[in-house]
């Protein structure tokens, strides 16, 4: 869930019930997982990045996710999806 103001995301919340993790972020105030501050990785080259993603149910959203994977896969180290080994 996210809230925007004048076209910019101001606050966001994601809950992962599989891991019981709550992610929250407020623009300009940082991001948190279960109340503990988190930071982005230090990779400066996209090819070193590991991308984690999921796809909401539904054919249209799955097709959008697959298009994103096609664009990202050649440019990143790997893409992981929930439940993948």
PDB file of N, CA and C in Angstrom:
ATOM      1  N   UNK A   1       0.858  -1.158   0.000  1.00  0.00           N
ATOM      2  CA  UNK A   1       0.000   0.000   0.000  1.00  0.00           C
ATOM      3  C   UNK A   1       0.905   1.222   0.000  1.00  0.00           C
ATOM      4  N   UNK A   2       0.529   2.205  -0.805  1.00  0.00           N
ATOM      5  CA  UNK A   2       1.306   3.439  -0.857  1.00  0.00           C
ATOM      6  C   UNK A   2       0.358   4.635  -0.947  1.00  0.00           C
ATOM      7  N   UNK A   3       0.830   5.760  -0.464  1.00  0.00           N
ATOM      8  CA  UNK A   3       0.085   7.009  -0.589  1.00  0.00           C
ATOM      9  C   UNK A   3       0.965   8.016  -1.319  1.00  0.00           C
ATOM     10  N   UNK A   4       0.360   8.717  -2.271  1.00  0.00           N
ATOM     11  CA  UNK A   4       1.107   9.708  -3.041  1.00  0.00           C
ATOM     12  C   UNK A   4       0.541  11.104  -2.791  1.00  0.00           C
ATOM     13  N   UNK A   5       1.410  12.076  -3.036  1.00  0.00           N
ATOM     14  CA  UNK A   5       1.027  13.481  -2.962  1.00  0.00           C
ATOM     15  C   UNK A   5       1.715  14.191  -4.102  1.00  0.00           C
ATOM     16  N   UNK A   6       0.934  14.813  -4.967  1.00  0.00           N
ATOM     17  CA  UNK A   6       1.467  15.519  -6.135  1.00  0.00           C
ATOM     18  C   UNK A   6       2.401  14.636  -6.958  1.00  0.00           C
ATOM     19  N   UNK A   7       2.013  13.387  -7.121  1.00  0.00           N
ATOM     20  CA  UNK A   7       2.755  12.483  -7.996  1.00  0.00           C
ATOM     21  C   UNK A   7       3.947  11.784  -7.376  1.00  0.00           C
ATOM     22  N   UNK A   8       4.215  12.023  -6.095  1.00  0.00           N
ATOM     23  CA  UNK A   8       5.349  11.370  -5.433  1.00  0.00           C
ATOM     24  C   UNK A   8       4.842  10.459  -4.317  1.00  0.00           C
ATOM     25  N   UNK A   9       5.432   9.264  -4.239  1.00  0.00           N
ATOM     26  CA  UNK A   9       5.090   8.365  -3.144  1.00  0.00           C
ATOM     27  C   UNK A   9       5.631   8.958  -1.852  1.00  0.00           C
ATOM     28  N   UNK A  10       4.772   9.102  -0.866  1.00  0.00           N
ATOM     29  CA  UNK A  10       5.161   9.711   0.409  1.00  0.00           C
ATOM     30  C   UNK A  10       5.323   8.672   1.513  1.00  0.00           C
ATOM     31  N   UNK A  11       4.524   7.614   1.469  1.00  0.00           N
ATOM     32  CA  UNK A  11       4.567   6.571   2.491  1.00  0.00           C
ATOM     33  C   UNK A  11       4.178   5.239   1.843  1.00  0.00           C
ATOM     34  N   UNK A  12       4.799   4.181   2.316  1.00  0.00           N
ATOM     35  CA  UNK A  12       4.480   2.859   1.794  1.00  0.00           C
ATOM     36  C   UNK A  12       4.569   1.814   2.891  1.00  0.00           C
ATOM     37  N   UNK A  13       3.744   0.774   2.752  1.00  0.00           N
ATOM     38  CA  UNK A  13       3.713  -0.321   3.714  1.00  0.00           C
ATOM     39  C   UNK A  13       3.545  -1.629   2.946  1.00  0.00           C
ATOM     40  N   UNK A  14       4.377  -2.618   3.298  1.00  0.00           N
ATOM     41  CA  UNK A  14       4.262  -3.964   2.715  1.00  0.00           C
ATOM     42  C   UNK A  14       4.339  -4.968   3.851  1.00  0.00           C
ATOM     43  N   UNK A  15       3.408  -5.914   3.866  1.00  0.00           N
ATOM     44  CA  UNK A  15       3.454  -6.991   4.858  1.00  0.00           C
ATOM     45  C   UNK A  15       3.654  -8.307   4.124  1.00  0.00           C
ATOM     46  N   UNK A  16       4.667  -9.068   4.543  1.00  0.00           N
ATOM     47  CA  UNK A  16       4.943 -10.397   3.983  1.00  0.00           C
ATOM     48  C   UNK A  16       4.505 -11.428   5.015  1.00  0.00           C
ATOM     49  N   UNK A  17       3.320 -12.014   4.834  1.00  0.00           N
ATOM     50  CA  UNK A  17       2.821 -12.967   5.828  1.00  0.00           C
ATOM     51  C   UNK A  17       3.630 -14.260   5.887  1.00  0.00           C
ATOM     52  N   UNK A  18       4.325 -14.595   4.816  1.00  0.00           N
ATOM     53  CA  UNK A  18       5.141 -15.813   4.799  1.00  0.00           C
ATOM     54  C   UNK A  18       6.313 -15.712   5.769  1.00  0.00           C
ATOM     55  N   UNK A  19       6.820 -14.509   5.945  1.00  0.00           N
ATOM     56  CA  UNK A  19       7.972 -14.296   6.832  1.00  0.00           C
ATOM     57  C   UNK A  19       7.620 -13.461   8.053  1.00  0.00           C
ATOM     58  N   UNK A  20       6.362 -13.045   8.148  1.00  0.00           N
ATOM     59  CA  UNK A  20       5.903 -12.175   9.221  1.00  0.00           C
ATOM     60  C   UNK A  20       6.782 -10.926   9.308  1.00  0.00           C
ATOM     61  N   UNK A  21       6.984 -10.279   8.144  1.00  0.00           N
ATOM     62  CA  UNK A  21       7.807  -9.072   8.070  1.00  0.00           C
ATOM     63  C   UNK A  21       6.952  -7.899   7.605  1.00  0.00           C
ATOM     64  N   UNK A  22       7.055  -6.801   8.324  1.00  0.00           N
ATOM     65  CA  UNK A  22       6.343  -5.579   7.980  1.00  0.00           C
ATOM     66  C   UNK A  22       7.361  -4.525   7.558  1.00  0.00           C
ATOM     67  N   UNK A  23       7.275  -4.084   6.324  1.00  0.00           N
ATOM     68  CA  UNK A  23       8.160  -3.053   5.786  1.00  0.00           C
ATOM     69  C   UNK A  23       7.386  -1.746   5.723  1.00  0.00           C
ATOM     70  N   UNK A  24       7.992  -0.676   6.232  1.00  0.00           N
ATOM     71  CA  UNK A  24       7.374   0.645   6.189  1.00  0.00           C
ATOM     72  C   UNK A  24       8.421   1.664   5.735  1.00  0.00           C
ATOM     73  N   UNK A  25       7.946   2.709   5.086  1.00  0.00           N
ATOM     74  CA  UNK A  25       8.845   3.782   4.662  1.00  0.00           C
ATOM     75  C   UNK A  25       8.066   5.084   4.565  1.00  0.00           C
ATOM     76  N   UNK A  26       8.732   6.157   4.961  1.00  0.00           N
ATOM     77  CA  UNK A  26       8.188   7.502   4.831  1.00  0.00           C
ATOM     78  C   UNK A  26       9.247   8.337   4.128  1.00  0.00           C
ATOM     79  N   UNK A  27       8.842   9.030   3.067  1.00  0.00           N
ATOM     80  CA  UNK A  27       9.787   9.841   2.304  1.00  0.00           C
ATOM     81  C   UNK A  27      10.577  10.764   3.226  1.00  0.00           C
ATOM     82  N   UNK A  28      11.899  10.687   3.111  1.00  0.00           N
ATOM     83  CA  UNK A  28      12.773  11.534   3.902  1.00  0.00           C
ATOM     84  C   UNK A  28      13.051  11.037   5.318  1.00  0.00           C
ATOM     85  N   UNK A  29      12.437   9.925   5.707  1.00  0.00           N
ATOM     86  CA  UNK A  29      12.619   9.419   7.077  1.00  0.00           C
ATOM     87  C   UNK A  29      13.140   7.992   7.123  1.00  0.00           C
ATOM     88  N   UNK A  30      13.424   7.400   5.972  1.00  0.00           N
ATOM     89  CA  UNK A  30      13.999   6.061   5.954  1.00  0.00           C
ATOM     90  C   UNK A  30      12.979   4.949   5.844  1.00  0.00           C
ATOM     91  N   UNK A  31      13.524   3.732   5.810  1.00  0.00           N
ATOM     92  CA  UNK A  31      12.709   2.530   5.675  1.00  0.00           C
ATOM     93  C   UNK A  31      13.005   1.592   6.837  1.00  0.00           C
ATOM     94  N   UNK A  32      12.003   0.794   7.182  1.00  0.00           N
ATOM     95  CA  UNK A  32      12.107  -0.077   8.350  1.00  0.00           C
ATOM     96  C   UNK A  32      11.508  -1.449   8.056  1.00  0.00           C
ATOM     97  N   UNK A  33      12.068  -2.464   8.710  1.00  0.00           N
ATOM     98  CA  UNK A  33      11.486  -3.799   8.690  1.00  0.00           C
ATOM     99  C   UNK A  33      11.230  -4.182  10.139  1.00  0.00           C
ATOM    100  N   UNK A  34       9.967  -4.407  10.472  1.00  0.00           N
ATOM    101  CA  UNK A  34       9.569  -4.732  11.840  1.00  0.00           C
ATOM    102  C   UNK A  34      10.133  -3.724  12.850  1.00  0.00           C
ATOM    103  N   UNK A  35      10.179  -2.448  12.446  1.00  0.00           N
ATOM    104  CA  UNK A  35      10.624  -1.383  13.339  1.00  0.00           C
ATOM    105  C   UNK A  35      12.120  -1.115  13.336  1.00  0.00           C
ATOM    106  N   UNK A  36      12.918  -1.981  12.693  1.00  0.00           N
ATOM    107  CA  UNK A  36      14.368  -1.780  12.624  1.00  0.00           C
ATOM    108  C   UNK A  36      14.742  -1.121  11.296  1.00  0.00           C
ATOM    109  N   UNK A  37      15.617  -0.124  11.350  1.00  0.00           N
ATOM    110  CA  UNK A  37      16.039   0.592  10.143  1.00  0.00           C
ATOM    111  C   UNK A  37      16.709  -0.374   9.157  1.00  0.00           C
ATOM    112  N   UNK A  38      16.401  -0.215   7.869  1.00  0.00           N
ATOM    113  CA  UNK A  38      17.051  -0.993   6.808  1.00  0.00           C
ATOM    114  C   UNK A  38      17.626  -0.025   5.787  1.00  0.00           C
ATOM    115  N   UNK A  39      18.596  -0.515   5.015  1.00  0.00           N
ATOM    116  CA  UNK A  39      19.233   0.309   3.981  1.00  0.00           C
ATOM    117  C   UNK A  39      19.316  -0.491   2.689  1.00  0.00           C
ATOM    118  N   UNK A  40      19.467   0.219   1.604  1.00  0.00           N
ATOM    119  CA  UNK A  40      19.672  -0.436   0.317  1.00  0.00           C
ATOM    120  C   UNK A  40      21.083  -1.004   0.275  1.00  0.00           C
ATOM    121  N   UNK A  41      21.322  -1.928  -0.639  1.00  0.00           N
ATOM    122  CA  UNK A  41      22.650  -2.510  -0.796  1.00  0.00           C
ATOM    123  C   UNK A  41      23.657  -1.483  -1.281  1.00  0.00           C
ATOM    124  N   UNK A  42      24.926  -1.845  -1.220  1.00  0.00           N
ATOM    125  CA  UNK A  42      25.997  -0.929  -1.607  1.00  0.00           C
ATOM    126  C   UNK A  42      26.462  -1.142  -3.045  1.00  0.00           C
ATOM    127  N   UNK A  43      25.785  -2.027  -3.772  1.00  0.00           N
ATOM    128  CA  UNK A  43      26.191  -2.271  -5.146  1.00  0.00           C
ATOM    129  C   UNK A  43      26.056  -0.994  -5.973  1.00  0.00           C
ATOM    130  N   UNK A  44      27.101  -0.701  -6.729  1.00  0.00           N
ATOM    131  CA  UNK A  44      27.045   0.478  -7.587  1.00  0.00           C
ATOM    132  C   UNK A  44      26.871   0.098  -9.053  1.00  0.00           C
ATOM    133  N   UNK A  45      26.990  -1.192  -9.338  1.00  0.00           N
ATOM    134  CA  UNK A  45      26.823  -1.690 -10.703  1.00  0.00           C
ATOM    135  C   UNK A  45      25.566  -2.556 -10.738  1.00  0.00           C
ATOM    136  N   UNK A  46      24.638  -2.244 -11.624  1.00  0.00           N
ATOM    137  CA  UNK A  46      23.390  -2.986 -11.714  1.00  0.00           C
ATOM    138  C   UNK A  46      23.641  -4.475 -11.920  1.00  0.00           C
ATOM    139  N   UNK A  47      24.686  -4.829 -12.633  1.00  0.00           N
ATOM    140  CA  UNK A  47      24.999  -6.230 -12.891  1.00  0.00           C
ATOM    141  C   UNK A  47      25.351  -7.019 -11.649  1.00  0.00           C
ATOM    142  N   UNK A  48      25.659  -6.348 -10.533  1.00  0.00           N
ATOM    143  CA  UNK A  48      25.949  -7.016  -9.267  1.00  0.00           C
ATOM    144  C   UNK A  48      24.701  -7.203  -8.408  1.00  0.00           C
ATOM    145  N   UNK A  49      23.584  -6.652  -8.821  1.00  0.00           N
ATOM    146  CA  UNK A  49      22.378  -6.648  -8.000  1.00  0.00           C
ATOM    147  C   UNK A  49      21.619  -7.964  -8.076  1.00  0.00           C
ATOM    148  N   UNK A  50      21.034  -8.334  -6.936  1.00  0.00           N
ATOM    149  CA  UNK A  50      20.085  -9.440  -6.861  1.00  0.00           C
ATOM    150  C   UNK A  50      18.724  -8.795  -6.638  1.00  0.00           C
ATOM    151  N   UNK A  51      17.807  -9.022  -7.547  1.00  0.00           N
ATOM    152  CA  UNK A  51      16.492  -8.408  -7.494  1.00  0.00           C
ATOM    153  C   UNK A  51      15.497  -9.410  -6.916  1.00  0.00           C
ATOM    154  N   UNK A  52      14.765  -9.001  -5.891  1.00  0.00           N
ATOM    155  CA  UNK A  52      13.707  -9.830  -5.314  1.00  0.00           C
ATOM    156  C   UNK A  52      12.371  -9.252  -5.746  1.00  0.00           C
ATOM    157  N   UNK A  53      11.475 -10.123  -6.165  1.00  0.00           N
ATOM    158  CA  UNK A  53      10.179  -9.640  -6.637  1.00  0.00           C
ATOM    159  C   UNK A  53       9.115 -10.688  -6.451  1.00  0.00           C
ATOM    160  N   UNK A  54       7.917 -10.272  -6.588  1.00  0.00           N
ATOM    161  CA  UNK A  54       6.768 -11.161  -6.570  1.00  0.00           C
ATOM    162  C   UNK A  54       5.769 -10.641  -7.582  1.00  0.00           C
ATOM    163  N   UNK A  55       4.776 -11.433  -7.863  1.00  0.00           N
ATOM    164  CA  UNK A  55       3.754 -11.027  -8.818  1.00  0.00           C
ATOM    165  C   UNK A  55       2.390 -11.248  -8.190  1.00  0.00           C
ATOM    166  N   UNK A  56       1.544 -10.227  -8.203  1.00  0.00           N
ATOM    167  CA  UNK A  56       0.196 -10.424  -7.682  1.00  0.00           C
ATOM    168  C   UNK A  56      -0.573 -11.394  -8.571  1.00  0.00           C
ATOM    169  N   UNK A  57      -1.582 -12.057  -8.019  1.00  0.00           N
ATOM    170  CA  UNK A  57      -2.348 -13.001  -8.839  1.00  0.00           C
ATOM    171  C   UNK A  57      -3.079 -12.282  -9.957  1.00  0.00           C
ATOM    172  N   UNK A  58      -3.330 -12.994 -11.001  1.00  0.00           N
ATOM    173  CA  UNK A  58      -4.062 -12.435 -12.137  1.00  0.00           C
ATOM    174  C   UNK A  58      -3.208 -12.436 -13.390  1.00  0.00           C
ATOM    175  N   UNK A  59      -3.846 -12.738 -14.494  1.00  0.00           N
ATOM    176  CA  UNK A  59      -3.122 -12.865 -15.764  1.00  0.00           C
ATOM    177  C   UNK A  59      -2.452 -11.572 -16.193  1.00  0.00           C
ATOM    178  N   UNK A  60      -3.146 -10.440 -16.071  1.00  0.00           N
ATOM    179  CA  UNK A  60      -2.574  -9.167 -16.519  1.00  0.00           C
ATOM    180  C   UNK A  60      -1.338  -8.790 -15.690  1.00  0.00           C
ATOM    181  N   UNK A  61      -1.427  -8.942 -14.364  1.00  0.00           N
ATOM    182  CA  UNK A  61      -0.284  -8.583 -13.531  1.00  0.00           C
ATOM    183  C   UNK A  61       0.877  -9.550 -13.748  1.00  0.00           C
ATOM    184  N   UNK A  62       0.591 -10.829 -13.987  1.00  0.00           N
ATOM    185  CA  UNK A  62       1.657 -11.788 -14.273  1.00  0.00           C
ATOM    186  C   UNK A  62       2.357 -11.432 -15.583  1.00  0.00           C
ATOM    187  N   UNK A  63       1.589 -11.048 -16.585  1.00  0.00           N
ATOM    188  CA  UNK A  63       2.189 -10.650 -17.865  1.00  0.00           C
ATOM    189  C   UNK A  63       3.078  -9.424 -17.694  1.00  0.00           C
ATOM    190  N   UNK A  64       2.648  -8.464 -16.865  1.00  0.00           N
ATOM    191  CA  UNK A  64       3.484  -7.287 -16.602  1.00  0.00           C
ATOM    192  C   UNK A  64       4.776  -7.691 -15.906  1.00  0.00           C
ATOM    193  N   UNK A  65       4.678  -8.588 -14.940  1.00  0.00           N
ATOM    194  CA  UNK A  65       5.864  -9.051 -14.224  1.00  0.00           C
ATOM    195  C   UNK A  65       6.825  -9.768 -15.168  1.00  0.00           C
ATOM    196  N   UNK A  66       6.296 -10.594 -16.057  1.00  0.00           N
ATOM    197  CA  UNK A  66       7.145 -11.317 -17.015  1.00  0.00           C
ATOM    198  C   UNK A  66       7.859 -10.357 -17.957  1.00  0.00           C
ATOM    199  N   UNK A  67       7.180  -9.294 -18.367  1.00  0.00           N
ATOM    200  CA  UNK A  67       7.836  -8.294 -19.220  1.00  0.00           C
ATOM    201  C   UNK A  67       8.970  -7.612 -18.453  1.00  0.00           C
ATOM    202  N   UNK A  68       8.740  -7.326 -17.177  1.00  0.00           N
ATOM    203  CA  UNK A  68       9.794  -6.730 -16.360  1.00  0.00           C
ATOM    204  C   UNK A  68      10.989  -7.646 -16.206  1.00  0.00           C
ATOM    205  N   UNK A  69      10.727  -8.932 -16.015  1.00  0.00           N
ATOM    206  CA  UNK A  69      11.813  -9.906 -15.904  1.00  0.00           C
ATOM    207  C   UNK A  69      12.623  -9.950 -17.184  1.00  0.00           C
ATOM    208  N   UNK A  70      11.954  -9.919 -18.325  1.00  0.00           N
ATOM    209  CA  UNK A  70      12.665  -9.953 -19.610  1.00  0.00           C
ATOM    210  C   UNK A  70      13.611  -8.768 -19.758  1.00  0.00           C
ATOM    211  N   UNK A  71      13.221  -7.619 -19.264  1.00  0.00           N
ATOM    212  CA  UNK A  71      14.062  -6.426 -19.355  1.00  0.00           C
ATOM    213  C   UNK A  71      15.204  -6.490 -18.341  1.00  0.00           C
ATOM    214  N   UNK A  72      14.908  -6.912 -17.113  1.00  0.00           N
ATOM    215  CA  UNK A  72      15.910  -6.908 -16.048  1.00  0.00           C
ATOM    216  C   UNK A  72      16.920  -8.046 -16.121  1.00  0.00           C
ATOM    217  N   UNK A  73      16.471  -9.233 -16.475  1.00  0.00           N
ATOM    218  CA  UNK A  73      17.324 -10.427 -16.360  1.00  0.00           C
ATOM    219  C   UNK A  73      18.693 -10.275 -17.024  1.00  0.00           C
ATOM    220  N   UNK A  74      18.794  -9.747 -18.226  1.00  0.00           N
ATOM    221  CA  UNK A  74      20.125  -9.625 -18.831  1.00  0.00           C
ATOM    222  C   UNK A  74      21.015  -8.578 -18.159  1.00  0.00           C
ATOM    223  N   UNK A  75      20.424  -7.735 -17.284  1.00  0.00           N
ATOM    224  CA  UNK A  75      21.172  -6.611 -16.716  1.00  0.00           C
ATOM    225  C   UNK A  75      21.576  -6.796 -15.252  1.00  0.00           C
ATOM    226  N   UNK A  76      21.016  -7.800 -14.569  1.00  0.00           N
ATOM    227  CA  UNK A  76      21.289  -8.007 -13.152  1.00  0.00           C
ATOM    228  C   UNK A  76      21.914  -9.370 -12.912  1.00  0.00           C
ATOM    229  N   UNK A  77      22.457  -9.543 -11.693  1.00  0.00           N
ATOM    230  CA  UNK A  77      23.082 -10.825 -11.347  1.00  0.00           C
ATOM    231  C   UNK A  77      22.058 -11.958 -11.370  1.00  0.00           C
ATOM    232  N   UNK A  78      20.919 -11.753 -10.720  1.00  0.00           N
ATOM    233  CA  UNK A  78      19.838 -12.740 -10.738  1.00  0.00           C
ATOM    234  C   UNK A  78      18.550 -12.105 -10.258  1.00  0.00           C
ATOM    235  N   UNK A  79      17.451 -12.773 -10.499  1.00  0.00           N
ATOM    236  CA  UNK A  79      16.142 -12.346 -10.010  1.00  0.00           C
ATOM    237  C   UNK A  79      15.590 -13.497  -9.180  1.00  0.00           C
ATOM    238  N   UNK A  80      15.127 -13.183  -7.974  1.00  0.00           N
ATOM    239  CA  UNK A  80      14.538 -14.180  -7.089  1.00  0.00           C
ATOM    240  C   UNK A  80      13.062 -13.841  -6.889  1.00  0.00           C
ATOM    241  N   UNK A  81      12.255 -14.879  -6.892  1.00  0.00           N
ATOM    242  CA  UNK A  81      10.832 -14.713  -6.597  1.00  0.00           C
ATOM    243  C   UNK A  81      10.492 -15.548  -5.379  1.00  0.00           C
ATOM    244  N   UNK A  82       9.515 -15.106  -4.609  1.00  0.00           N
ATOM    245  CA  UNK A  82       9.090 -15.812  -3.419  1.00  0.00           C
ATOM    246  C   UNK A  82       8.840 -17.273  -3.745  1.00  0.00           C
ATOM    247  N   UNK A  83       9.464 -18.158  -2.987  1.00  0.00           N
ATOM    248  CA  UNK A  83       9.281 -19.579  -3.185  1.00  0.00           C
ATOM    249  C   UNK A  83      10.285 -20.211  -4.135  1.00  0.00           C
ATOM    250  N   UNK A  84      11.126 -19.402  -4.772  1.00  0.00           N
ATOM    251  CA  UNK A  84      12.100 -19.968  -5.707  1.00  0.00           C
ATOM    252  C   UNK A  84      13.338 -20.418  -4.940  1.00  0.00           C
ATOM    253  N   UNK A  85      14.019 -21.395  -5.494  1.00  0.00           N
ATOM    254  CA  UNK A  85      15.219 -21.919  -4.827  1.00  0.00           C
ATOM    255  C   UNK A  85      16.466 -21.303  -5.434  1.00  0.00           C
TER     256      UNK A  85
END
